[in-house]
């Protein structure tokens, strides 16, 4: 294929029509889980985090964060007054999570019920607030990625406000905190593909898994968790099927044109 033909194919596949579409992307984290879990594993749950403690992991998040598909909201902190979390939730089809632990695939690309991106822009942490190690009194930016899977409720398929009701679930997330207030520049949904904050400069990075049963009263709760250290990461666009289709159409057109030339 000559240079002009190749340029034609690329324009067909990645020209203005496809560029106008929101592009899904994948964040892949590489790291090691901590040596032990917090809490007690309950054998009634499928995923035994204790078996993963101390092992290496590769966790991939494939995200379709098209803002037209997101449901945004805010959470106003009761203390300190004035702090606001901004968050955007997405449906199961917009998040896919895969997890490989010590070379074994334990989540092949699961979709979960609740998926969220959250930020705090220039928010104040007072000295009396319990904060993670390394976070002291001052102003910070933060980014939070989370996915939750609601397994069910004891005593019924849907949870109610009844304090005896127990919700079973699984949660995974990644937290970042910066003391550089330029990392989350505004209250808009962050563009993690094209304008991602400097993850390497994060004051705090935490990846975690949580499973168990929760209740409003705290009765019959069994919660266990496993944290991990992130050693490296990659972020890359994931071409949508339409892009592949346009690329194949472009290649087909070039082949047809070359055959016509040979016949002539």
C-alpha atoms as a PDB file:
ATOM      1  CA  UNK A   1       0.000   0.000   0.000  1.00  0.00           C
ATOM      2  CA  UNK A   2       1.464   3.359  -0.980  1.00  0.00           C
ATOM      3  CA  UNK A   3       1.629   6.383   1.288  1.00  0.00           C
ATOM      4  CA  UNK A   4      -1.331   8.167  -0.284  1.00  0.00           C
ATOM      5  CA  UNK A   5      -3.537   5.096   0.057  1.00  0.00           C
ATOM      6  CA  UNK A   6      -2.570   4.671   3.694  1.00  0.00           C
ATOM      7  CA  UNK A   7      -3.469   8.293   4.451  1.00  0.00           C
ATOM      8  CA  UNK A   8      -6.852   7.769   2.774  1.00  0.00           C
ATOM      9  CA  UNK A   9      -7.579   4.781   5.007  1.00  0.00           C
ATOM     10  CA  UNK A  10      -6.642   6.647   8.147  1.00  0.00           C
ATOM     11  CA  UNK A  11      -8.821   9.595   7.182  1.00  0.00           C
ATOM     12  CA  UNK A  12     -11.751   7.284   6.566  1.00  0.00           C
ATOM     13  CA  UNK A  13     -11.289   5.568   9.913  1.00  0.00           C
ATOM     14  CA  UNK A  14     -10.288   8.433  12.168  1.00  0.00           C
ATOM     15  CA  UNK A  15     -11.559  11.507  10.424  1.00  0.00           C
ATOM     16  CA  UNK A  16     -13.992  14.148  11.776  1.00  0.00           C
ATOM     17  CA  UNK A  17     -16.971  11.791  11.935  1.00  0.00           C
ATOM     18  CA  UNK A  18     -15.327   9.376  14.382  1.00  0.00           C
ATOM     19  CA  UNK A  19     -13.469  12.089  16.292  1.00  0.00           C
ATOM     20  CA  UNK A  20     -16.768  13.675  17.257  1.00  0.00           C
ATOM     21  CA  UNK A  21     -17.734  10.559  19.153  1.00  0.00           C
ATOM     22  CA  UNK A  22     -16.794  10.029  22.796  1.00  0.00           C
ATOM     23  CA  UNK A  23     -13.933   7.550  22.922  1.00  0.00           C
ATOM     24  CA  UNK A  24     -13.892   4.823  25.583  1.00  0.00           C
ATOM     25  CA  UNK A  25     -10.545   4.322  27.271  1.00  0.00           C
ATOM     26  CA  UNK A  26      -8.823   1.837  29.503  1.00  0.00           C
ATOM     27  CA  UNK A  27      -6.803   2.477  32.646  1.00  0.00           C
ATOM     28  CA  UNK A  28      -4.647  -0.485  33.644  1.00  0.00           C
ATOM     29  CA  UNK A  29      -2.985  -0.637  37.054  1.00  0.00           C
ATOM     30  CA  UNK A  30      -0.067  -2.894  37.959  1.00  0.00           C
ATOM     31  CA  UNK A  31       0.856  -3.473  41.573  1.00  0.00           C
ATOM     32  CA  UNK A  32       0.876  -5.698  44.632  1.00  0.00           C
ATOM     33  CA  UNK A  33      -1.808  -6.345  47.223  1.00  0.00           C
ATOM     34  CA  UNK A  34      -1.037  -5.918  50.909  1.00  0.00           C
ATOM     35  CA  UNK A  35       0.040  -8.945  52.921  1.00  0.00           C
ATOM     36  CA  UNK A  36      -3.260  -9.406  54.752  1.00  0.00           C
ATOM     37  CA  UNK A  37      -6.934  -8.490  54.627  1.00  0.00           C
ATOM     38  CA  UNK A  38      -8.771  -6.294  57.111  1.00  0.00           C
ATOM     39  CA  UNK A  39     -11.774  -7.914  58.756  1.00  0.00           C
ATOM     40  CA  UNK A  40     -12.851 -11.521  58.396  1.00  0.00           C
ATOM     41  CA  UNK A  41     -13.665 -13.320  55.169  1.00  0.00           C
ATOM     42  CA  UNK A  42     -17.113 -14.914  55.096  1.00  0.00           C
ATOM     43  CA  UNK A  43     -17.250 -18.113  53.032  1.00  0.00           C
ATOM     44  CA  UNK A  44     -20.729 -17.208  51.779  1.00  0.00           C
ATOM     45  CA  UNK A  45     -19.095 -14.776  49.329  1.00  0.00           C
ATOM     46  CA  UNK A  46     -17.594 -15.861  46.022  1.00  0.00           C
ATOM     47  CA  UNK A  47     -14.402 -13.790  46.131  1.00  0.00           C
ATOM     48  CA  UNK A  48     -11.899 -14.708  48.824  1.00  0.00           C
ATOM     49  CA  UNK A  49      -9.604 -11.672  49.023  1.00  0.00           C
ATOM     50  CA  UNK A  50      -7.416 -13.414  51.592  1.00  0.00           C
ATOM     51  CA  UNK A  51      -6.172 -15.732  48.850  1.00  0.00           C
ATOM     52  CA  UNK A  52      -4.857 -12.681  46.960  1.00  0.00           C
ATOM     53  CA  UNK A  53      -2.947 -11.055  49.819  1.00  0.00           C
ATOM     54  CA  UNK A  54       0.706 -10.325  49.018  1.00  0.00           C
ATOM     55  CA  UNK A  55       0.286 -11.191  45.334  1.00  0.00           C
ATOM     56  CA  UNK A  56       0.816  -9.110  42.217  1.00  0.00           C
ATOM     57  CA  UNK A  57      -2.197  -7.845  40.296  1.00  0.00           C
ATOM     58  CA  UNK A  58      -3.208  -6.266  37.001  1.00  0.00           C
ATOM     59  CA  UNK A  59      -6.522  -4.412  37.212  1.00  0.00           C
ATOM     60  CA  UNK A  60      -8.046  -2.872  34.083  1.00  0.00           C
ATOM     61  CA  UNK A  61     -10.908  -0.382  34.026  1.00  0.00           C
ATOM     62  CA  UNK A  62     -12.508   0.126  30.606  1.00  0.00           C
ATOM     63  CA  UNK A  63     -14.557   3.315  30.861  1.00  0.00           C
ATOM     64  CA  UNK A  64     -17.048   4.957  28.560  1.00  0.00           C
ATOM     65  CA  UNK A  65     -17.389   8.357  30.217  1.00  0.00           C
ATOM     66  CA  UNK A  66     -19.497  10.039  27.562  1.00  0.00           C
ATOM     67  CA  UNK A  67     -20.908  13.007  29.526  1.00  0.00           C
ATOM     68  CA  UNK A  68     -24.259  12.631  27.767  1.00  0.00           C
ATOM     69  CA  UNK A  69     -24.643   9.228  29.456  1.00  0.00           C
ATOM     70  CA  UNK A  70     -23.569  10.359  32.918  1.00  0.00           C
ATOM     71  CA  UNK A  71     -25.780  11.323  35.834  1.00  0.00           C
ATOM     72  CA  UNK A  72     -24.033  14.056  37.804  1.00  0.00           C
ATOM     73  CA  UNK A  73     -24.541  15.193  41.348  1.00  0.00           C
ATOM     74  CA  UNK A  74     -22.943  16.763  44.392  1.00  0.00           C
ATOM     75  CA  UNK A  75     -22.528  15.880  48.043  1.00  0.00           C
ATOM     76  CA  UNK A  76     -22.244  18.723  50.553  1.00  0.00           C
ATOM     77  CA  UNK A  77     -20.128  17.829  53.555  1.00  0.00           C
ATOM     78  CA  UNK A  78     -21.791  18.454  56.919  1.00  0.00           C
ATOM     79  CA  UNK A  79     -18.293  19.002  58.360  1.00  0.00           C
ATOM     80  CA  UNK A  80     -16.375  20.975  57.388  1.00  0.00           C
ATOM     81  CA  UNK A  81     -19.138  23.082  55.897  1.00  0.00           C
ATOM     82  CA  UNK A  82     -18.302  24.244  52.406  1.00  0.00           C
ATOM     83  CA  UNK A  83     -16.618  21.078  51.143  1.00  0.00           C
ATOM     84  CA  UNK A  84     -18.393  19.604  48.123  1.00  0.00           C
ATOM     85  CA  UNK A  85     -17.878  16.296  46.325  1.00  0.00           C
ATOM     86  CA  UNK A  86     -18.771  16.228  42.644  1.00  0.00           C
ATOM     87  CA  UNK A  87     -19.615  12.852  41.156  1.00  0.00           C
ATOM     88  CA  UNK A  88     -20.818  11.276  37.921  1.00  0.00           C
ATOM     89  CA  UNK A  89     -22.467   7.857  37.806  1.00  0.00           C
ATOM     90  CA  UNK A  90     -22.634   5.491  34.849  1.00  0.00           C
ATOM     91  CA  UNK A  91     -24.588   2.388  33.927  1.00  0.00           C
ATOM     92  CA  UNK A  92     -23.202  -1.178  33.908  1.00  0.00           C
ATOM     93  CA  UNK A  93     -22.494  -1.099  30.154  1.00  0.00           C
ATOM     94  CA  UNK A  94     -20.116   1.847  30.566  1.00  0.00           C
ATOM     95  CA  UNK A  95     -17.678   0.209  33.008  1.00  0.00           C
ATOM     96  CA  UNK A  96     -15.911  -3.118  32.639  1.00  0.00           C
ATOM     97  CA  UNK A  97     -13.464  -4.345  35.268  1.00  0.00           C
ATOM     98  CA  UNK A  98     -10.958  -7.141  34.780  1.00  0.00           C
ATOM     99  CA  UNK A  99      -8.584  -8.396  37.455  1.00  0.00           C
ATOM    100  CA  UNK A 100      -5.644 -10.769  37.151  1.00  0.00           C
ATOM    101  CA  UNK A 101      -3.996 -11.897  40.400  1.00  0.00           C
ATOM    102  CA  UNK A 102      -0.654 -13.690  40.262  1.00  0.00           C
ATOM    103  CA  UNK A 103      -1.256 -14.569  36.610  1.00  0.00           C
ATOM    104  CA  UNK A 104      -4.772 -15.948  37.176  1.00  0.00           C
ATOM    105  CA  UNK A 105      -7.849 -14.122  35.834  1.00  0.00           C
ATOM    106  CA  UNK A 106     -10.343 -13.724  38.686  1.00  0.00           C
ATOM    107  CA  UNK A 107     -12.585 -11.124  37.018  1.00  0.00           C
ATOM    108  CA  UNK A 108     -12.731 -11.514  33.217  1.00  0.00           C
ATOM    109  CA  UNK A 109     -14.345  -8.179  32.408  1.00  0.00           C
ATOM    110  CA  UNK A 110     -17.289  -7.817  34.750  1.00  0.00           C
ATOM    111  CA  UNK A 111     -19.866  -5.035  34.647  1.00  0.00           C
ATOM    112  CA  UNK A 112     -21.194  -3.761  37.962  1.00  0.00           C
ATOM    113  CA  UNK A 113     -24.348  -1.988  39.079  1.00  0.00           C
ATOM    114  CA  UNK A 114     -23.008   1.347  40.294  1.00  0.00           C
ATOM    115  CA  UNK A 115     -20.030   3.062  38.677  1.00  0.00           C
ATOM    116  CA  UNK A 116     -18.729   6.444  39.692  1.00  0.00           C
ATOM    117  CA  UNK A 117     -16.076   9.082  39.104  1.00  0.00           C
ATOM    118  CA  UNK A 118     -15.803  11.643  41.895  1.00  0.00           C
ATOM    119  CA  UNK A 119     -13.651  14.714  42.478  1.00  0.00           C
ATOM    120  CA  UNK A 120     -12.913  17.275  45.163  1.00  0.00           C
ATOM    121  CA  UNK A 121     -11.571  20.581  43.908  1.00  0.00           C
ATOM    122  CA  UNK A 122      -9.599  22.724  46.376  1.00  0.00           C
ATOM    123  CA  UNK A 123     -11.263  21.309  49.481  1.00  0.00           C
ATOM    124  CA  UNK A 124     -10.169  21.854  53.074  1.00  0.00           C
ATOM    125  CA  UNK A 125      -9.165  19.056  55.471  1.00  0.00           C
ATOM    126  CA  UNK A 126      -9.139  20.293  59.114  1.00  0.00           C
ATOM    127  CA  UNK A 127      -6.623  19.036  61.639  1.00  0.00           C
ATOM    128  CA  UNK A 128      -9.292  17.281  63.733  1.00  0.00           C
ATOM    129  CA  UNK A 129     -10.504  15.080  60.880  1.00  0.00           C
ATOM    130  CA  UNK A 130      -9.257  11.514  60.646  1.00  0.00           C
ATOM    131  CA  UNK A 131      -7.385  11.416  57.352  1.00  0.00           C
ATOM    132  CA  UNK A 132      -5.210   8.835  55.572  1.00  0.00           C
ATOM    133  CA  UNK A 133      -1.507   8.761  56.269  1.00  0.00           C
ATOM    134  CA  UNK A 134       0.271  11.674  54.611  1.00  0.00           C
ATOM    135  CA  UNK A 135      -2.815  13.903  54.488  1.00  0.00           C
ATOM    136  CA  UNK A 136      -2.640  16.677  57.084  1.00  0.00           C
ATOM    137  CA  UNK A 137      -4.493  19.934  57.614  1.00  0.00           C
ATOM    138  CA  UNK A 138      -4.710  21.937  54.406  1.00  0.00           C
ATOM    139  CA  UNK A 139      -6.280  22.195  50.962  1.00  0.00           C
ATOM    140  CA  UNK A 140      -6.346  19.283  48.547  1.00  0.00           C
ATOM    141  CA  UNK A 141      -7.617  17.994  45.219  1.00  0.00           C
ATOM    142  CA  UNK A 142      -8.805  14.398  44.950  1.00  0.00           C
ATOM    143  CA  UNK A 143     -10.028  11.875  42.398  1.00  0.00           C
ATOM    144  CA  UNK A 144     -12.038   8.741  43.133  1.00  0.00           C
ATOM    145  CA  UNK A 145     -12.953   5.845  40.829  1.00  0.00           C
ATOM    146  CA  UNK A 146     -15.369   3.261  42.190  1.00  0.00           C
ATOM    147  CA  UNK A 147     -17.504   0.383  41.066  1.00  0.00           C
ATOM    148  CA  UNK A 148     -20.053  -1.459  43.227  1.00  0.00           C
ATOM    149  CA  UNK A 149     -21.974  -4.670  42.764  1.00  0.00           C
ATOM    150  CA  UNK A 150     -25.173  -5.078  44.769  1.00  0.00           C
ATOM    151  CA  UNK A 151     -25.578  -8.792  45.444  1.00  0.00           C
ATOM    152  CA  UNK A 152     -28.856  -8.656  47.323  1.00  0.00           C
ATOM    153  CA  UNK A 153     -30.505  -8.238  50.705  1.00  0.00           C
ATOM    154  CA  UNK A 154     -31.301 -10.692  53.421  1.00  0.00           C
ATOM    155  CA  UNK A 155     -35.043 -10.860  53.763  1.00  0.00           C
ATOM    156  CA  UNK A 156     -35.842  -9.488  50.325  1.00  0.00           C
ATOM    157  CA  UNK A 157     -34.558  -8.631  46.889  1.00  0.00           C
ATOM    158  CA  UNK A 158     -34.482  -4.882  47.537  1.00  0.00           C
ATOM    159  CA  UNK A 159     -33.134  -3.073  50.563  1.00  0.00           C
ATOM    160  CA  UNK A 160     -35.435  -0.840  52.571  1.00  0.00           C
ATOM    161  CA  UNK A 161     -34.948   1.673  55.381  1.00  0.00           C
ATOM    162  CA  UNK A 162     -35.620  -1.100  57.876  1.00  0.00           C
ATOM    163  CA  UNK A 163     -32.551  -1.082  60.183  1.00  0.00           C
ATOM    164  CA  UNK A 164     -32.640  -4.871  60.344  1.00  0.00           C
ATOM    165  CA  UNK A 165     -32.182  -5.160  56.580  1.00  0.00           C
ATOM    166  CA  UNK A 166     -28.724  -6.308  55.490  1.00  0.00           C
ATOM    167  CA  UNK A 167     -27.228  -5.462  52.100  1.00  0.00           C
ATOM    168  CA  UNK A 168     -24.644  -7.715  50.509  1.00  0.00           C
ATOM    169  CA  UNK A 169     -22.185  -6.275  48.028  1.00  0.00           C
ATOM    170  CA  UNK A 170     -18.752  -5.939  46.494  1.00  0.00           C
ATOM    171  CA  UNK A 171     -16.885  -2.674  45.972  1.00  0.00           C
ATOM    172  CA  UNK A 172     -13.629  -1.762  44.196  1.00  0.00           C
ATOM    173  CA  UNK A 173     -11.993   1.624  43.977  1.00  0.00           C
ATOM    174  CA  UNK A 174      -8.953   3.785  43.426  1.00  0.00           C
ATOM    175  CA  UNK A 175      -8.298   7.019  45.367  1.00  0.00           C
ATOM    176  CA  UNK A 176      -5.863   9.839  44.625  1.00  0.00           C
ATOM    177  CA  UNK A 177      -5.108  12.929  46.719  1.00  0.00           C
ATOM    178  CA  UNK A 178      -2.935  15.887  45.672  1.00  0.00           C
ATOM    179  CA  UNK A 179      -1.695  18.899  47.577  1.00  0.00           C
ATOM    180  CA  UNK A 180      -1.145  20.485  44.146  1.00  0.00           C
ATOM    181  CA  UNK A 181      -4.412  22.326  43.497  1.00  0.00           C
ATOM    182  CA  UNK A 182      -3.834  22.387  39.732  1.00  0.00           C
ATOM    183  CA  UNK A 183      -4.537  18.662  39.353  1.00  0.00           C
ATOM    184  CA  UNK A 184      -8.347  18.970  39.484  1.00  0.00           C
ATOM    185  CA  UNK A 185      -8.764  22.423  37.905  1.00  0.00           C
ATOM    186  CA  UNK A 186     -12.560  22.780  38.097  1.00  0.00           C
ATOM    187  CA  UNK A 187     -15.836  21.105  39.043  1.00  0.00           C
ATOM    188  CA  UNK A 188     -16.338  19.466  35.626  1.00  0.00           C
ATOM    189  CA  UNK A 189     -15.991  15.753  34.980  1.00  0.00           C
ATOM    190  CA  UNK A 190     -12.256  15.132  34.454  1.00  0.00           C
ATOM    191  CA  UNK A 191     -10.974  14.086  31.042  1.00  0.00           C
ATOM    192  CA  UNK A 192      -8.766  11.211  32.130  1.00  0.00           C
ATOM    193  CA  UNK A 193      -7.779  10.282  28.581  1.00  0.00           C
ATOM    194  CA  UNK A 194      -6.676  13.632  27.187  1.00  0.00           C
ATOM    195  CA  UNK A 195      -6.049  15.764  30.275  1.00  0.00           C
ATOM    196  CA  UNK A 196      -5.418  13.342  33.115  1.00  0.00           C
ATOM    197  CA  UNK A 197      -3.982  14.684  36.372  1.00  0.00           C
ATOM    198  CA  UNK A 198      -0.379  13.778  37.127  1.00  0.00           C
ATOM    199  CA  UNK A 199      -1.006  10.464  38.869  1.00  0.00           C
ATOM    200  CA  UNK A 200       2.696  10.079  39.671  1.00  0.00           C
ATOM    201  CA  UNK A 201       2.634  13.209  41.833  1.00  0.00           C
ATOM    202  CA  UNK A 202      -0.249  12.039  44.000  1.00  0.00           C
ATOM    203  CA  UNK A 203       0.308  12.441  47.726  1.00  0.00           C
ATOM    204  CA  UNK A 204      -1.901   9.427  48.353  1.00  0.00           C
ATOM    205  CA  UNK A 205      -2.759   6.547  46.034  1.00  0.00           C
ATOM    206  CA  UNK A 206      -4.965   3.743  47.281  1.00  0.00           C
ATOM    207  CA  UNK A 207      -6.510   0.804  45.463  1.00  0.00           C
ATOM    208  CA  UNK A 208      -8.936  -1.314  47.443  1.00  0.00           C
ATOM    209  CA  UNK A 209     -11.427  -4.182  47.370  1.00  0.00           C
ATOM    210  CA  UNK A 210     -14.270  -4.463  49.861  1.00  0.00           C
ATOM    211  CA  UNK A 211     -16.861  -7.171  50.321  1.00  0.00           C
ATOM    212  CA  UNK A 212     -19.399  -8.093  52.921  1.00  0.00           C
ATOM    213  CA  UNK A 213     -22.764  -7.290  54.419  1.00  0.00           C
ATOM    214  CA  UNK A 214     -23.820  -3.857  55.617  1.00  0.00           C
ATOM    215  CA  UNK A 215     -26.856  -2.745  57.616  1.00  0.00           C
ATOM    216  CA  UNK A 216     -28.089   0.647  58.846  1.00  0.00           C
ATOM    217  CA  UNK A 217     -27.867  -0.559  62.441  1.00  0.00           C
ATOM    218  CA  UNK A 218     -24.519  -2.304  62.095  1.00  0.00           C
ATOM    219  CA  UNK A 219     -26.095  -5.573  63.247  1.00  0.00           C
ATOM    220  CA  UNK A 220     -25.047  -8.753  61.399  1.00  0.00           C
ATOM    221  CA  UNK A 221     -22.383  -6.858  59.467  1.00  0.00           C
ATOM    222  CA  UNK A 222     -19.411  -8.785  58.096  1.00  0.00           C
ATOM    223  CA  UNK A 223     -17.000  -6.577  56.164  1.00  0.00           C
ATOM    224  CA  UNK A 224     -13.566  -7.452  54.865  1.00  0.00           C
ATOM    225  CA  UNK A 225     -11.189  -5.509  52.600  1.00  0.00           C
ATOM    226  CA  UNK A 226      -7.836  -5.714  50.859  1.00  0.00           C
ATOM    227  CA  UNK A 227      -5.727  -2.720  49.866  1.00  0.00           C
ATOM    228  CA  UNK A 228      -2.940  -2.638  47.326  1.00  0.00           C
ATOM    229  CA  UNK A 229       0.002  -0.572  46.135  1.00  0.00           C
ATOM    230  CA  UNK A 230       0.063   0.696  42.551  1.00  0.00           C
ATOM    231  CA  UNK A 231       3.497   0.437  40.933  1.00  0.00           C
ATOM    232  CA  UNK A 232       2.629   1.638  37.420  1.00  0.00           C
ATOM    233  CA  UNK A 233      -0.303   2.317  35.117  1.00  0.00           C
ATOM    234  CA  UNK A 234      -1.240   2.919  31.476  1.00  0.00           C
ATOM    235  CA  UNK A 235      -4.076   4.895  29.885  1.00  0.00           C
ATOM    236  CA  UNK A 236      -5.096   4.242  26.277  1.00  0.00           C
ATOM    237  CA  UNK A 237      -8.071   4.828  24.008  1.00  0.00           C
ATOM    238  CA  UNK A 238     -10.185   1.803  23.111  1.00  0.00           C
ATOM    239  CA  UNK A 239     -11.467   2.016  19.500  1.00  0.00           C
ATOM    240  CA  UNK A 240     -15.187   1.403  19.267  1.00  0.00           C
ATOM    241  CA  UNK A 241     -16.655  -1.158  16.809  1.00  0.00           C
ATOM    242  CA  UNK A 242     -17.671   1.685  14.473  1.00  0.00           C
ATOM    243  CA  UNK A 243     -14.028   2.700  14.151  1.00  0.00           C
ATOM    244  CA  UNK A 244     -12.971  -0.822  13.216  1.00  0.00           C
ATOM    245  CA  UNK A 245     -15.814  -0.986  10.703  1.00  0.00           C
ATOM    246  CA  UNK A 246     -14.710   2.251   9.031  1.00  0.00           C
ATOM    247  CA  UNK A 247     -11.105   1.015   8.931  1.00  0.00           C
ATOM    248  CA  UNK A 248     -12.142  -2.251   7.268  1.00  0.00           C
ATOM    249  CA  UNK A 249     -14.330  -0.345   4.821  1.00  0.00           C
ATOM    250  CA  UNK A 250     -11.391   1.881   3.941  1.00  0.00           C
ATOM    251  CA  UNK A 251      -9.095  -1.098   3.396  1.00  0.00           C
ATOM    252  CA  UNK A 252     -11.745  -2.765   1.249  1.00  0.00           C
ATOM    253  CA  UNK A 253     -12.090   0.347  -0.883  1.00  0.00           C
ATOM    254  CA  UNK A 254      -8.313   0.532  -1.431  1.00  0.00           C
ATOM    255  CA  UNK A 255      -8.198  -3.139  -2.412  1.00  0.00           C
ATOM    256  CA  UNK A 256     -11.070  -2.716  -4.873  1.00  0.00           C
ATOM    257  CA  UNK A 257      -9.385   0.316  -6.441  1.00  0.00           C
ATOM    258  CA  UNK A 258      -6.070  -1.510  -6.813  1.00  0.00           C
ATOM    259  CA  UNK A 259      -7.780  -4.462  -8.503  1.00  0.00           C
ATOM    260  CA  UNK A 260      -9.440  -2.097 -10.999  1.00  0.00           C
ATOM    261  CA  UNK A 261      -6.061  -0.574 -11.816  1.00  0.00           C
ATOM    262  CA  UNK A 262      -4.494  -3.976 -12.490  1.00  0.00           C
ATOM    263  CA  UNK A 263      -7.371  -4.950 -14.790  1.00  0.00           C
ATOM    264  CA  UNK A 264      -7.057  -1.716 -16.687  1.00  0.00           C
END
